[in-house]
C-alpha atoms as a PDB file:
ATOM      1  CA  MET A   1      12.887  21.421  -6.403  1.00  0.00           C
ATOM      2  CA  SER A   2      15.691  19.276  -7.870  1.00  0.00           C
ATOM      3  CA  ARG A   3      15.869  18.834 -11.656  1.00  0.00           C
ATOM      4  CA  LYS A   4      15.515  15.073 -11.238  1.00  0.00           C
ATOM      5  CA  LEU A   5      12.329  15.393  -9.211  1.00  0.00           C
ATOM      6  CA  ALA A   6      10.869  17.974 -11.603  1.00  0.00           C
ATOM      7  CA  ILE A   7      11.365  15.581 -14.523  1.00  0.00           C
ATOM      8  CA  LEU A   8       9.756  12.776 -12.514  1.00  0.00           C
ATOM      9  CA  LEU A   9       6.694  14.878 -11.723  1.00  0.00           C
ATOM     10  CA  SER A  10       6.254  15.839 -15.371  1.00  0.00           C
ATOM     11  CA  LEU A  11       6.427  12.216 -16.435  1.00  0.00           C
ATOM     12  CA  LEU A  12       3.855  11.277 -13.834  1.00  0.00           C
ATOM     13  CA  VAL A  13       1.384  13.913 -14.950  1.00  0.00           C
ATOM     14  CA  LEU A  14       1.597  13.492 -18.720  1.00  0.00           C
ATOM     15  CA  PRO A  15       0.580   9.805 -18.948  1.00  0.00           C
ATOM     16  CA  ALA A  16      -2.459  10.546 -16.790  1.00  0.00           C
ATOM     17  CA  CYS A  17      -3.541  13.353 -19.099  1.00  0.00           C
ATOM     18  CA  GLN A  18      -3.186  11.151 -22.157  1.00  0.00           C
ATOM     19  CA  SER A  19      -4.907   8.048 -20.781  1.00  0.00           C
ATOM     20  CA  LEU A  20      -8.387   7.704 -22.273  1.00  0.00           C
ATOM     21  CA  GLN A  21      -9.499   4.626 -20.367  1.00  0.00           C
ATOM     22  CA  HIS A  22      -9.916   4.279 -16.620  1.00  0.00           C
ATOM     23  CA  ALA A  23      -7.822   1.354 -15.495  1.00  0.00           C
ATOM     24  CA  PRO A  24      -9.396  -0.608 -12.636  1.00  0.00           C
ATOM     25  CA  SER A  25      -8.770   1.363  -9.492  1.00  0.00           C
ATOM     26  CA  PRO A  26      -7.433  -0.480  -6.467  1.00  0.00           C
ATOM     27  CA  ARG A  27      -9.885   0.962  -4.365  1.00  0.00           C
ATOM     28  CA  ALA A  28     -18.321   5.080  -4.320  1.00  0.00           C
ATOM     29  CA  ALA A  29     -24.314  12.513   0.485  1.00  0.00           C
ATOM     30  CA  ALA A  30     -25.317  15.388  -0.012  1.00  0.00           C
ATOM     31  CA  SER A  31     -26.567  16.520  -3.381  1.00  0.00           C
ATOM     32  CA  SER A  32     -25.191  20.032  -3.199  1.00  0.00           C
ATOM     33  CA  SER A  33     -21.583  21.046  -3.569  1.00  0.00           C
ATOM     34  CA  HIS A  34     -22.306  23.893  -1.163  1.00  0.00           C
ATOM     35  CA  ALA A  35     -23.345  21.730   1.782  1.00  0.00           C
ATOM     36  CA  SER A  36     -22.154  23.089   5.101  1.00  0.00           C
ATOM     37  CA  SER A  37     -20.975  19.736   6.446  1.00  0.00           C
ATOM     38  CA  PRO A  38     -19.450  16.538   5.030  1.00  0.00           C
ATOM     39  CA  ALA A  39     -21.855  14.482   2.957  1.00  0.00           C
ATOM     40  CA  THR A  40     -21.801  11.561   5.330  1.00  0.00           C
ATOM     41  CA  GLY A  41     -19.691  10.133   8.091  1.00  0.00           C
ATOM     42  CA  ALA A  42     -16.501  11.626   9.465  1.00  0.00           C
ATOM     43  CA  LEU A  43     -14.711  14.608   7.984  1.00  0.00           C
ATOM     44  CA  PHE A  44     -11.812  12.519   6.699  1.00  0.00           C
ATOM     45  CA  GLU A  45     -13.378   9.218   5.674  1.00  0.00           C
ATOM     46  CA  GLY A  46     -14.670   7.761   2.419  1.00  0.00           C
ATOM     47  CA  VAL A  47     -13.741   7.178  -1.215  1.00  0.00           C
ATOM     48  CA  PHE A  48     -13.264  10.255  -3.416  1.00  0.00           C
ATOM     49  CA  ASP A  49     -12.867  10.335  -7.198  1.00  0.00           C
ATOM     50  CA  ASN A  50     -12.307  13.197  -9.689  1.00  0.00           C
ATOM     51  CA  HIS A  51     -14.024  11.317 -12.549  1.00  0.00           C
ATOM     52  CA  GLU A  52     -16.082  14.290 -13.712  1.00  0.00           C
ATOM     53  CA  GLN A  53     -13.091  16.629 -13.707  1.00  0.00           C
ATOM     54  CA  VAL A  54     -11.226  14.185 -15.956  1.00  0.00           C
ATOM     55  CA  TRP A  55     -14.310  13.765 -18.163  1.00  0.00           C
ATOM     56  CA  LEU A  56     -14.612  17.518 -18.634  1.00  0.00           C
ATOM     57  CA  ALA A  57     -10.935  17.718 -19.557  1.00  0.00           C
ATOM     58  CA  ARG A  58     -11.480  15.126 -22.277  1.00  0.00           C
ATOM     59  CA  THR A  59     -14.348  17.120 -23.759  1.00  0.00           C
ATOM     60  CA  GLY A  60     -12.191  20.231 -23.897  1.00  0.00           C
ATOM     61  CA  ALA A  61     -13.690  22.197 -21.021  1.00  0.00           C
ATOM     62  CA  ALA A  62     -10.413  22.169 -19.125  1.00  0.00           C
ATOM     63  CA  GLY A  63      -6.768  21.277 -19.588  1.00  0.00           C
ATOM     64  CA  GLY A  64      -5.364  17.787 -19.114  1.00  0.00           C
ATOM     65  CA  VAL A  65      -6.178  16.429 -15.665  1.00  0.00           C
ATOM     66  CA  PRO A  66      -4.892  13.220 -14.066  1.00  0.00           C
ATOM     67  CA  HIS A  67      -7.418  10.709 -12.755  1.00  0.00           C
ATOM     68  CA  VAL A  68      -6.979  10.371  -9.000  1.00  0.00           C
ATOM     69  CA  VAL A  69      -8.800   8.270  -6.409  1.00  0.00           C
ATOM     70  CA  VAL A  70      -8.317   8.994  -2.711  1.00  0.00           C
ATOM     71  CA  THR A  71      -9.477   6.430  -0.179  1.00  0.00           C
ATOM     72  CA  ILE A  72      -9.515   7.740   3.387  1.00  0.00           C
ATOM     73  CA  GLU A  73      -9.739   5.061   6.043  1.00  0.00           C
ATOM     74  CA  PRO A  74     -10.527   5.738   9.692  1.00  0.00           C
ATOM     75  CA  THR A  75      -8.359   4.344  12.460  1.00  0.00           C
ATOM     76  CA  PRO A  76      -9.161   3.482  16.082  1.00  0.00           C
ATOM     77  CA  GLN A  77      -7.681   6.890  16.965  1.00  0.00           C
ATOM     78  CA  ALA A  78     -10.213   9.554  15.998  1.00  0.00           C
ATOM     79  CA  ASP A  79      -7.579  12.144  15.074  1.00  0.00           C
ATOM     80  CA  TRP A  80      -5.758   9.821  12.676  1.00  0.00           C
ATOM     81  CA  SER A  81      -6.735   8.550   9.231  1.00  0.00           C
ATOM     82  CA  ILE A  82      -5.003   6.601   6.462  1.00  0.00           C
ATOM     83  CA  TRP A  83      -4.984   8.216   3.005  1.00  0.00           C
ATOM     84  CA  ARG A  84      -4.460   5.927   0.018  1.00  0.00           C
ATOM     85  CA  VAL A  85      -3.848   8.041  -3.068  1.00  0.00           C
ATOM     86  CA  HIS A  86      -3.984   6.341  -6.469  1.00  0.00           C
ATOM     87  CA  LEU A  87      -2.893   7.935  -9.746  1.00  0.00           C
ATOM     88  CA  ASP A  88      -4.617   6.175 -12.651  1.00  0.00           C
ATOM     89  CA  ALA A  89      -2.106   6.541 -15.470  1.00  0.00           C
ATOM     90  CA  ALA A  90      -0.262   4.508 -18.085  1.00  0.00           C
ATOM     91  CA  VAL A  91       2.121   3.671 -15.247  1.00  0.00           C
ATOM     92  CA  PRO A  92      -0.078   3.745 -12.122  1.00  0.00           C
ATOM     93  CA  LEU A  93       1.311   5.147  -8.911  1.00  0.00           C
ATOM     94  CA  ASP A  94       0.136   4.660  -5.337  1.00  0.00           C
ATOM     95  CA  ALA A  95       1.077   6.346  -2.094  1.00  0.00           C
ATOM     96  CA  VAL A  96      -0.108   5.843   1.465  1.00  0.00           C
ATOM     97  CA  TRP A  97       0.026   8.521   4.146  1.00  0.00           C
ATOM     98  CA  ALA A  98      -1.128   8.614   7.744  1.00  0.00           C
ATOM     99  CA  MET A  99      -2.733  11.968   8.498  1.00  0.00           C
ATOM    100  CA  GLN A 100      -3.045  13.338  12.035  1.00  0.00           C
ATOM    101  CA  ARG A 101      -5.431  16.178  12.787  1.00  0.00           C
ATOM    102  CA  ILE A 102      -4.006  18.465  15.441  1.00  0.00           C
ATOM    103  CA  GLY A 103      -6.351  20.918  17.097  1.00  0.00           C
ATOM    104  CA  THR A 104      -9.507  22.496  15.716  1.00  0.00           C
ATOM    105  CA  GLY A 105     -10.640  25.905  14.590  1.00  0.00           C
ATOM    106  CA  GLU A 106      -8.501  28.476  12.806  1.00  0.00           C
ATOM    107  CA  SER A 107      -5.160  27.313  14.193  1.00  0.00           C
ATOM    108  CA  ALA A 108      -5.481  23.622  13.377  1.00  0.00           C
ATOM    109  CA  SER A 109      -3.116  21.505  11.331  1.00  0.00           C
ATOM    110  CA  VAL A 110      -2.979  18.182   9.517  1.00  0.00           C
ATOM    111  CA  MET A 111       0.348  16.388   9.825  1.00  0.00           C
ATOM    112  CA  PRO A 112       1.253  13.854   7.111  1.00  0.00           C
ATOM    113  CA  HIS A 113       3.288  10.808   8.095  1.00  0.00           C
ATOM    114  CA  ARG A 114       5.105   8.184   6.048  1.00  0.00           C
ATOM    115  CA  ALA A 115       5.383   4.558   7.075  1.00  0.00           C
ATOM    116  CA  SER A 116       8.640   3.658   8.802  1.00  0.00           C
ATOM    117  CA  ASP A 117       8.454   0.357   6.907  1.00  0.00           C
ATOM    118  CA  ALA A 118       7.002   0.303   3.386  1.00  0.00           C
ATOM    119  CA  ALA A 119       5.297  -3.013   4.167  1.00  0.00           C
ATOM    120  CA  LEU A 120       3.064  -1.274   6.704  1.00  0.00           C
ATOM    121  CA  ALA A 121       1.295   0.622   3.963  1.00  0.00           C
ATOM    122  CA  SER A 122       0.183  -2.520   2.147  1.00  0.00           C
ATOM    123  CA  THR A 123      -0.792  -4.769   5.045  1.00  0.00           C
ATOM    124  CA  ALA A 124      -3.873  -5.038   7.201  1.00  0.00           C
ATOM    125  CA  ALA A 125      -1.836  -4.809  10.398  1.00  0.00           C
ATOM    126  CA  PRO A 126      -3.477  -2.921  13.275  1.00  0.00           C
ATOM    127  CA  PHE A 127      -2.750   0.796  13.161  1.00  0.00           C
ATOM    128  CA  ASP A 128       0.093   1.941  15.402  1.00  0.00           C
ATOM    129  CA  ALA A 129       0.958   5.628  15.249  1.00  0.00           C
ATOM    130  CA  ARG A 130       4.476   4.872  16.498  1.00  0.00           C
ATOM    131  CA  GLN A 131       5.236   3.177  13.181  1.00  0.00           C
ATOM    132  CA  TRP A 132       4.623   6.341  11.164  1.00  0.00           C
ATOM    133  CA  VAL A 133       7.218   9.106  10.782  1.00  0.00           C
ATOM    134  CA  PRO A 134       5.955  12.727  10.817  1.00  0.00           C
ATOM    135  CA  LEU A 135       6.774  14.952   7.850  1.00  0.00           C
ATOM    136  CA  ASP A 136       6.971  18.139   9.893  1.00  0.00           C
ATOM    137  CA  ALA A 137       8.099  20.320   7.006  1.00  0.00           C
ATOM    138  CA  CYS A 138       4.984  19.315   5.040  1.00  0.00           C
ATOM    139  CA  ALA A 139       2.437  20.041   7.778  1.00  0.00           C
ATOM    140  CA  LEU A 140      -0.774  21.572   6.411  1.00  0.00           C
ATOM    141  CA  ARG A 141      -2.049  24.469   8.489  1.00  0.00           C
ATOM    142  CA  GLY A 142      -5.297  26.393   8.461  1.00  0.00           C
ATOM    143  CA  THR A 143      -8.859  25.786   9.621  1.00  0.00           C
ATOM    144  CA  VAL A 144     -10.417  22.459  10.609  1.00  0.00           C
ATOM    145  CA  THR A 145     -13.955  22.251  11.993  1.00  0.00           C
ATOM    146  CA  ALA A 146     -16.623  19.572  12.233  1.00  0.00           C
ATOM    147  CA  GLY A 147     -18.093  20.890   8.990  1.00  0.00           C
ATOM    148  CA  GLY A 148     -15.015  21.158   6.824  1.00  0.00           C
ATOM    149  CA  ALA A 149     -11.337  21.913   6.459  1.00  0.00           C
ATOM    150  CA  ARG A 150      -9.032  24.228   4.555  1.00  0.00           C
ATOM    151  CA  VAL A 151      -5.337  23.662   5.171  1.00  0.00           C
ATOM    152  CA  VAL A 152      -2.178  24.417   3.182  1.00  0.00           C
ATOM    153  CA  ALA A 153       1.455  23.387   3.499  1.00  0.00           C
ATOM    154  CA  ASP A 154       4.538  25.573   3.136  1.00  0.00           C
ATOM    155  CA  VAL A 155       5.670  24.161  -0.212  1.00  0.00           C
ATOM    156  CA  ALA A 156       9.167  25.629  -0.019  1.00  0.00           C
ATOM    157  CA  ALA A 157       9.741  23.923   3.319  1.00  0.00           C
ATOM    158  CA  CYS A 158       8.146  20.682   2.134  1.00  0.00           C
ATOM    159  CA  THR A 159      10.410  20.553  -0.909  1.00  0.00           C
ATOM    160  CA  THR A 160      13.376  19.923   1.373  1.00  0.00           C
ATOM    161  CA  LEU A 161      11.884  16.516   2.242  1.00  0.00           C
ATOM    162  CA  ALA A 162      10.882  15.536  -1.292  1.00  0.00           C
ATOM    163  CA  PRO A 163      14.122  13.850  -2.411  1.00  0.00           C
ATOM    164  CA  GLY A 164      13.976  11.410   0.487  1.00  0.00           C
ATOM    165  CA  LEU A 165      10.373  10.355  -0.134  1.00  0.00           C
ATOM    166  CA  GLY A 166      10.859   9.011  -3.649  1.00  0.00           C
ATOM    167  CA  ALA A 167       8.239   8.877  -6.388  1.00  0.00           C
ATOM    168  CA  GLN A 168       5.402   8.843  -3.840  1.00  0.00           C
ATOM    169  CA  THR A 169       6.162  12.505  -3.178  1.00  0.00           C
ATOM    170  CA  ALA A 170       4.103  13.266  -6.287  1.00  0.00           C
ATOM    171  CA  LEU A 171       0.950  12.164  -4.459  1.00  0.00           C
ATOM    172  CA  LEU A 172       1.546  14.029  -1.216  1.00  0.00           C
ATOM    173  CA  PRO A 173      -1.257  16.545  -0.471  1.00  0.00           C
ATOM    174  CA  ILE A 174       0.071  20.082  -0.074  1.00  0.00           C
ATOM    175  CA  ALA A 175      -3.380  21.723   0.135  1.00  0.00           C
ATOM    176  CA  ILE A 176      -6.735  20.266   1.198  1.00  0.00           C
ATOM    177  CA  GLU A 177     -10.260  21.640   1.144  1.00  0.00           C
ATOM    178  CA  ARG A 178     -13.035  19.414   2.518  1.00  0.00           C
ATOM    179  CA  GLU A 179     -16.661  20.479   2.443  1.00  0.00           C
ATOM    180  CA  GLY A 180     -19.924  18.701   1.688  1.00  0.00           C
ATOM    181  CA  GLU A 181     -19.346  15.938  -0.835  1.00  0.00           C
ATOM    182  CA  TRP A 182     -16.137  17.533  -2.127  1.00  0.00           C
ATOM    183  CA  LEU A 183     -12.485  16.903  -1.421  1.00  0.00           C
ATOM    184  CA  HIS A 184     -10.338  19.437  -3.274  1.00  0.00           C
ATOM    185  CA  ALA A 185      -6.661  18.553  -3.070  1.00  0.00           C
ATOM    186  CA  ARG A 186      -3.512  20.009  -4.533  1.00  0.00           C
ATOM    187  CA  LEU A 187      -0.915  17.277  -4.765  1.00  0.00           C
ATOM    188  CA  TYR A 188       2.819  17.830  -4.960  1.00  0.00           C
ATOM    189  CA  ALA A 189       2.765  16.780  -8.629  1.00  0.00           C
ATOM    190  CA  ASP A 190       0.108  19.389  -9.444  1.00  0.00           C
ATOM    191  CA  GLN A 191       2.798  22.070  -9.328  1.00  0.00           C
ATOM    192  CA  ALA A 192       3.874  20.864 -12.771  1.00  0.00           C
ATOM    193  CA  ARG A 193       0.416  21.795 -14.133  1.00  0.00           C
ATOM    194  CA  GLY A 194       0.345  25.373 -12.919  1.00  0.00           C
ATOM    195  CA  ALA A 195      -0.104  27.583  -9.890  1.00  0.00           C
ATOM    196  CA  ASP A 196      -3.825  26.858  -9.483  1.00  0.00           C
ATOM    197  CA  ALA A 197      -3.936  23.203 -10.538  1.00  0.00           C
ATOM    198  CA  ARG A 198      -5.658  20.791  -8.187  1.00  0.00           C
ATOM    199  CA  VAL A 199      -7.827  17.680  -8.271  1.00  0.00           C
ATOM    200  CA  ASP A 200     -11.541  18.070  -7.511  1.00  0.00           C
ATOM    201  CA  LEU A 201     -12.740  14.810  -6.030  1.00  0.00           C
ATOM    202  CA  ARG A 202     -16.315  13.963  -5.095  1.00  0.00           C
ATOM    203  CA  GLN A 203     -17.369  11.376  -2.540  1.00  0.00           C
ATOM    204  CA  VAL A 204     -18.439   8.195  -4.271  1.00  0.00           C
ATOM    205  CA  GLN A 205     -21.932   6.835  -3.652  1.00  0.00           C
ATOM    206  CA  VAL A 206     -22.793   3.188  -4.279  1.00  0.00           C
ATOM    207  CA  PHE A 207     -25.849   2.145  -6.276  1.00  0.00           C
ATOM    208  CA  SER A 208     -26.885  -1.489  -5.980  1.00  0.00           C
ATOM    209  CA  GLY A 209     -29.568  -3.596  -7.601  1.00  0.00           C
ATOM    210  CA  TRP A 210     -30.109  -6.045 -10.435  1.00  0.00           C
ATOM    211  CA  ALA A 211     -29.625  -6.418 -14.166  1.00  0.00           C
ATOM    212  CA  ALA A 212     -30.952  -8.974 -16.633  1.00  0.00           C
ATOM    213  CA  ILE A 213     -29.633  -9.728 -20.103  1.00  0.00           C
ATOM    214  CA  ASN A 214     -31.352 -11.948 -22.666  1.00  0.00           C
ATOM    215  CA  GLY A 215     -29.334 -14.766 -24.182  1.00  0.00           C
ATOM    216  CA  ALA A 216     -30.469 -13.814 -27.695  1.00  0.00           C
ATOM    217  CA  GLY A 217     -28.668 -10.486 -27.491  1.00  0.00           C
ATOM    218  CA  PRO A 218     -29.807  -7.164 -28.955  1.00  0.00           C
ATOM    219  CA  ASN A 219     -30.833  -8.544 -32.345  1.00  0.00           C
ATOM    220  CA  GLY A 220     -32.251 -11.951 -31.439  1.00  0.00           C
ATOM    221  CA  PRO A 221     -35.908 -12.998 -31.257  1.00  0.00           C
ATOM    222  CA  ALA A 222     -37.760 -12.533 -27.989  1.00  0.00           C
ATOM    223  CA  ASN A 223     -37.490 -15.525 -25.643  1.00  0.00           C
ATOM    224  CA  ASP A 224     -37.373 -16.432 -21.962  1.00  0.00           C
ATOM    225  CA  ASP A 225     -33.599 -16.983 -21.755  1.00  0.00           C
ATOM    226  CA  TRP A 226     -32.904 -14.330 -19.151  1.00  0.00           C
ATOM    227  CA  HIS A 227     -29.603 -14.223 -17.271  1.00  0.00           C
ATOM    228  CA  MET A 228     -29.927 -12.411 -13.948  1.00  0.00           C
ATOM    229  CA  ASN A 229     -27.206 -10.376 -12.277  1.00  0.00           C
ATOM    230  CA  ARG A 230     -28.711  -9.994  -8.809  1.00  0.00           C
ATOM    231  CA  ALA A 231     -25.920  -8.248  -6.907  1.00  0.00           C
ATOM    232  CA  MET A 232     -24.913  -5.330  -9.101  1.00  0.00           C
ATOM    233  CA  GLN A 233     -22.962  -2.549  -7.416  1.00  0.00           C
ATOM    234  CA  LEU A 234     -21.611   0.565  -9.111  1.00  0.00           C
ATOM    235  CA  GLY A 235     -20.042   3.698  -7.737  1.00  0.00           C
ATOM    236  CA  ASN A 236     -21.556   6.833  -9.232  1.00  0.00           C
ATOM    237  CA  GLU A 237     -18.213   8.397 -10.161  1.00  0.00           C
ATOM    238  CA  GLY A 238     -17.393   6.276 -13.203  1.00  0.00           C
ATOM    239  CA  GLY A 239     -18.178   2.879 -11.691  1.00  0.00           C
ATOM    240  CA  ARG A 240     -18.219  -0.052 -14.124  1.00  0.00           C
ATOM    241  CA  ALA A 241     -19.556  -3.608 -13.776  1.00  0.00           C
ATOM    242  CA  ALA A 242     -19.706  -6.437 -16.311  1.00  0.00           C
ATOM    243  CA  LEU A 243     -22.984  -8.094 -17.263  1.00  0.00           C
ATOM    244  CA  THR A 244     -22.475 -11.856 -17.080  1.00  0.00           C
ATOM    245  CA  TRP A 245     -24.277 -14.973 -18.198  1.00  0.00           C
ATOM    246  CA  ARG A 246     -25.698 -17.234 -15.517  1.00  0.00           C
ATOM    247  CA  ASP A 247     -22.507 -19.344 -15.513  1.00  0.00           C
ATOM    248  CA  GLY A 248     -20.423 -16.267 -14.726  1.00  0.00           C
ATOM    249  CA  ARG A 249     -18.903 -15.805 -18.172  1.00  0.00           C
ATOM    250  CA  PRO A 250     -18.840 -12.226 -19.524  1.00  0.00           C
ATOM    251  CA  SER A 251     -21.691 -11.392 -21.855  1.00  0.00           C
ATOM    252  CA  GLY A 252     -19.675  -8.805 -23.774  1.00  0.00           C
ATOM    253  CA  TYR A 253     -21.609  -5.897 -22.257  1.00  0.00           C
ATOM    254  CA  SER A 254     -21.048  -3.759 -19.171  1.00  0.00           C
ATOM    255  CA  LEU A 255     -22.769  -1.022 -17.207  1.00  0.00           C
ATOM    256  CA  THR A 256     -21.250   2.307 -16.229  1.00  0.00           C
ATOM    257  CA  LEU A 257     -22.603   4.893 -13.810  1.00  0.00           C
ATOM    258  CA  GLU A 258     -21.276   8.435 -13.669  1.00  0.00           C
ATOM    259  CA  ARG A 259     -22.085  12.000 -12.717  1.00  0.00           C
ATOM    260  CA  VAL A 260     -21.241  14.361 -15.545  1.00  0.00           C
ATOM    261  CA  THR A 261     -22.108  17.858 -16.672  1.00  0.00           C
ATOM    262  CA  TYR A 262     -22.626  18.598 -20.347  1.00  0.00           C
ATOM    263  CA  ARG A 263     -21.402  21.982 -21.528  1.00  0.00           C
ATOM    264  CA  ASP A 264     -24.431  22.523 -23.765  1.00  0.00           C
ATOM    265  CA  GLY A 265     -26.990  23.661 -21.242  1.00  0.00           C
ATOM    266  CA  ASN A 266     -24.635  23.137 -18.276  1.00  0.00           C
ATOM    267  CA  VAL A 267     -26.928  20.413 -16.936  1.00  0.00           C
ATOM    268  CA  PRO A 268     -25.464  17.953 -14.386  1.00  0.00           C
ATOM    269  CA  VAL A 269     -26.824  14.417 -14.689  1.00  0.00           C
ATOM    270  CA  LEU A 270     -26.481  10.921 -13.312  1.00  0.00           C
ATOM    271  CA  LYS A 271     -25.881   8.744 -16.377  1.00  0.00           C
ATOM    272  CA  LEU A 272     -26.359   4.968 -16.612  1.00  0.00           C
ATOM    273  CA  SER A 273     -24.897   3.466 -19.793  1.00  0.00           C
ATOM    274  CA  VAL A 274     -24.848   0.052 -21.437  1.00  0.00           C
ATOM    275  CA  ILE A 275     -21.417  -0.468 -23.021  1.00  0.00           C
ATOM    276  CA  ASP A 276     -20.365  -2.820 -25.814  1.00  0.00           C
ATOM    277  CA  ASP A 277     -17.101  -4.194 -24.398  1.00  0.00           C
ATOM    278  CA  ALA A 278     -15.644  -5.031 -27.828  1.00  0.00           C
ATOM    279  CA  SER A 279     -15.869  -1.490 -29.141  1.00  0.00           C
ATOM    280  CA  GLY A 280     -15.962   0.427 -25.870  1.00  0.00           C
ATOM    281  CA  GLN A 281     -18.916   2.374 -27.230  1.00  0.00           C
ATOM    282  CA  GLY A 282     -22.198   3.054 -25.478  1.00  0.00           C
ATOM    283  CA  VAL A 283     -25.199   1.130 -26.776  1.00  0.00           C
ATOM    284  CA  ALA A 284     -27.745   3.208 -24.858  1.00  0.00           C
ATOM    285  CA  TYR A 285     -28.005   5.351 -21.779  1.00  0.00           C
ATOM    286  CA  ALA A 286     -30.497   6.763 -19.305  1.00  0.00           C
ATOM    287  CA  TRP A 287     -30.285  10.055 -17.422  1.00  0.00           C
ATOM    288  CA  ALA A 288     -31.553  11.141 -14.034  1.00  0.00           C
ATOM    289  CA  ASN A 289     -30.850  14.140 -11.828  1.00  0.00           C
ATOM    290  CA  PRO A 290     -27.685  13.749  -9.697  1.00  0.00           C
ATOM    291  CA  GLU A 291     -29.766  13.504  -6.503  1.00  0.00           C
ATOM    292  CA  ALA A 292     -31.811  10.572  -7.811  1.00  0.00           C
ATOM    293  CA  THR A 293     -32.198   7.634  -5.482  1.00  0.00           C
ATOM    294  CA  GLN A 294     -33.080   5.218  -8.304  1.00  0.00           C
ATOM    295  CA  ILE A 295     -32.122   4.783 -11.942  1.00  0.00           C
ATOM    296  CA  GLY A 296     -32.772   2.094 -14.524  1.00  0.00           C
ATOM    297  CA  ILE A 297     -33.072   1.241 -18.195  1.00  0.00           C
ATOM    298  CA  ASN A 298     -35.098  -1.175 -20.319  1.00  0.00           C
ATOM    299  CA  LEU A 299     -33.903  -1.994 -23.829  1.00  0.00           C
ATOM    300  CA  GLY A 300     -35.968  -5.139 -24.162  1.00  0.00           C
ATOM    301  CA  TRP A 301     -32.926  -7.415 -24.230  1.00  0.00           C
ATOM    302  CA  VAL A 302     -31.282  -5.653 -21.254  1.00  0.00           C
ATOM    303  CA  GLN A 303     -33.101  -4.453 -18.159  1.00  0.00           C
ATOM    304  CA  VAL A 304     -31.484  -2.731 -15.177  1.00  0.00           C
ATOM    305  CA  GLY A 305     -32.753  -1.379 -11.851  1.00  0.00           C
ATOM    306  CA  LEU A 306     -30.427   0.338  -9.364  1.00  0.00           C
ATOM    307  CA  GLY A 307     -30.974   2.224  -6.122  1.00  0.00           C
ATOM    308  CA  ARG A 308     -28.731   4.445  -4.042  1.00  0.00           C
ATOM    309  CA  ALA A 309     -27.248   2.384  -1.230  1.00  0.00           C
ATOM    310  CA  ALA A 310     -24.536   4.230   0.696  1.00  0.00           C
ATOM    311  CA  PRO A 311     -21.197   5.971   0.357  1.00  0.00           C
ATOM    312  CA  ALA A 312     -18.420   3.604  -0.662  1.00  0.00           C
ATOM    313  CA  ALA A 313     -16.787   2.134   2.392  1.00  0.00           C
ATOM    314  CA  ALA A 314     -13.201   3.244   2.758  1.00  0.00           C
ATOM    315  CA  THR A 315     -12.213  -0.299   3.680  1.00  0.00           C
ATOM    316  CA  GLU A 316     -13.626  -1.804   0.473  1.00  0.00           C
ATOM    317  CA  LYS A 317     -12.416  -1.657  -3.103  1.00  0.00           C
ATOM    318  CA  ASN A 318     -14.194   0.836  -5.295  1.00  0.00           C
ATOM    319  CA  LYS A 319     -16.362  -0.811  -7.919  1.00  0.00           C
ATOM    320  CA  ARG A 320     -14.763   0.400 -11.134  1.00  0.00           C
END
């Protein structure tokens, strides 16, 4: 690895570890991490977020971890998918790769491709495999089945291509494990964090429903001035949505939905919180088990009811 690229990777990782707020991401099932097949849909399709891994790092259960969102979009060709990798840092970074699955079983591979024209990665133009250049030296080889995948690249060989790929090299997958609701990925930049560093991303599920906030606020007298938010949608991996007045103006409060595991008791939960936007602090929260299909809260002046809808569509922006 060149000295210049090593410095770049370190700079990319450090801001992510220090960032304490999730910037809006440009891009939400099985309940068990040991499921024998993908949570829903195709093997390589969906929105994946390592929100809980980052949350645990903040609470001291692990070292600094960058916040990464991977959106995998299907294409008309079943063996191809588009991977949009987003690093949520002080200086955000995005990369887009076309991934081609070649073969199945224990001698399969996943071949990453870069766009021949950078504009292709940011447009909605129809997919054309001829417009993507294979990165042969970075091919990931291993096992790919209908139920999961475990593939790894030859990093030494891949490093020979890194200087020509630019900053986006940092977000190139060099190892992938896909099983159940999990997508475990080691990105090129993860080498700067140690031999075993990787990002543990979980498929995002969408919860939709309604929320109502009283115009008098938390300390006002009871009245009938209710402002309804009838089309709430939050991804369960750190999704955030503002509560608004009936004219669309922000009320000063937001909802967040996240799956987290508290170290005391090691109990995983699905947590719905009401946030004071001015302070960033939680006003109140409700817990449910991670497999819950419904969750809500009633504080008198705020009432919320949400139900599990579906995995986040890879073609839609993640609600964050």
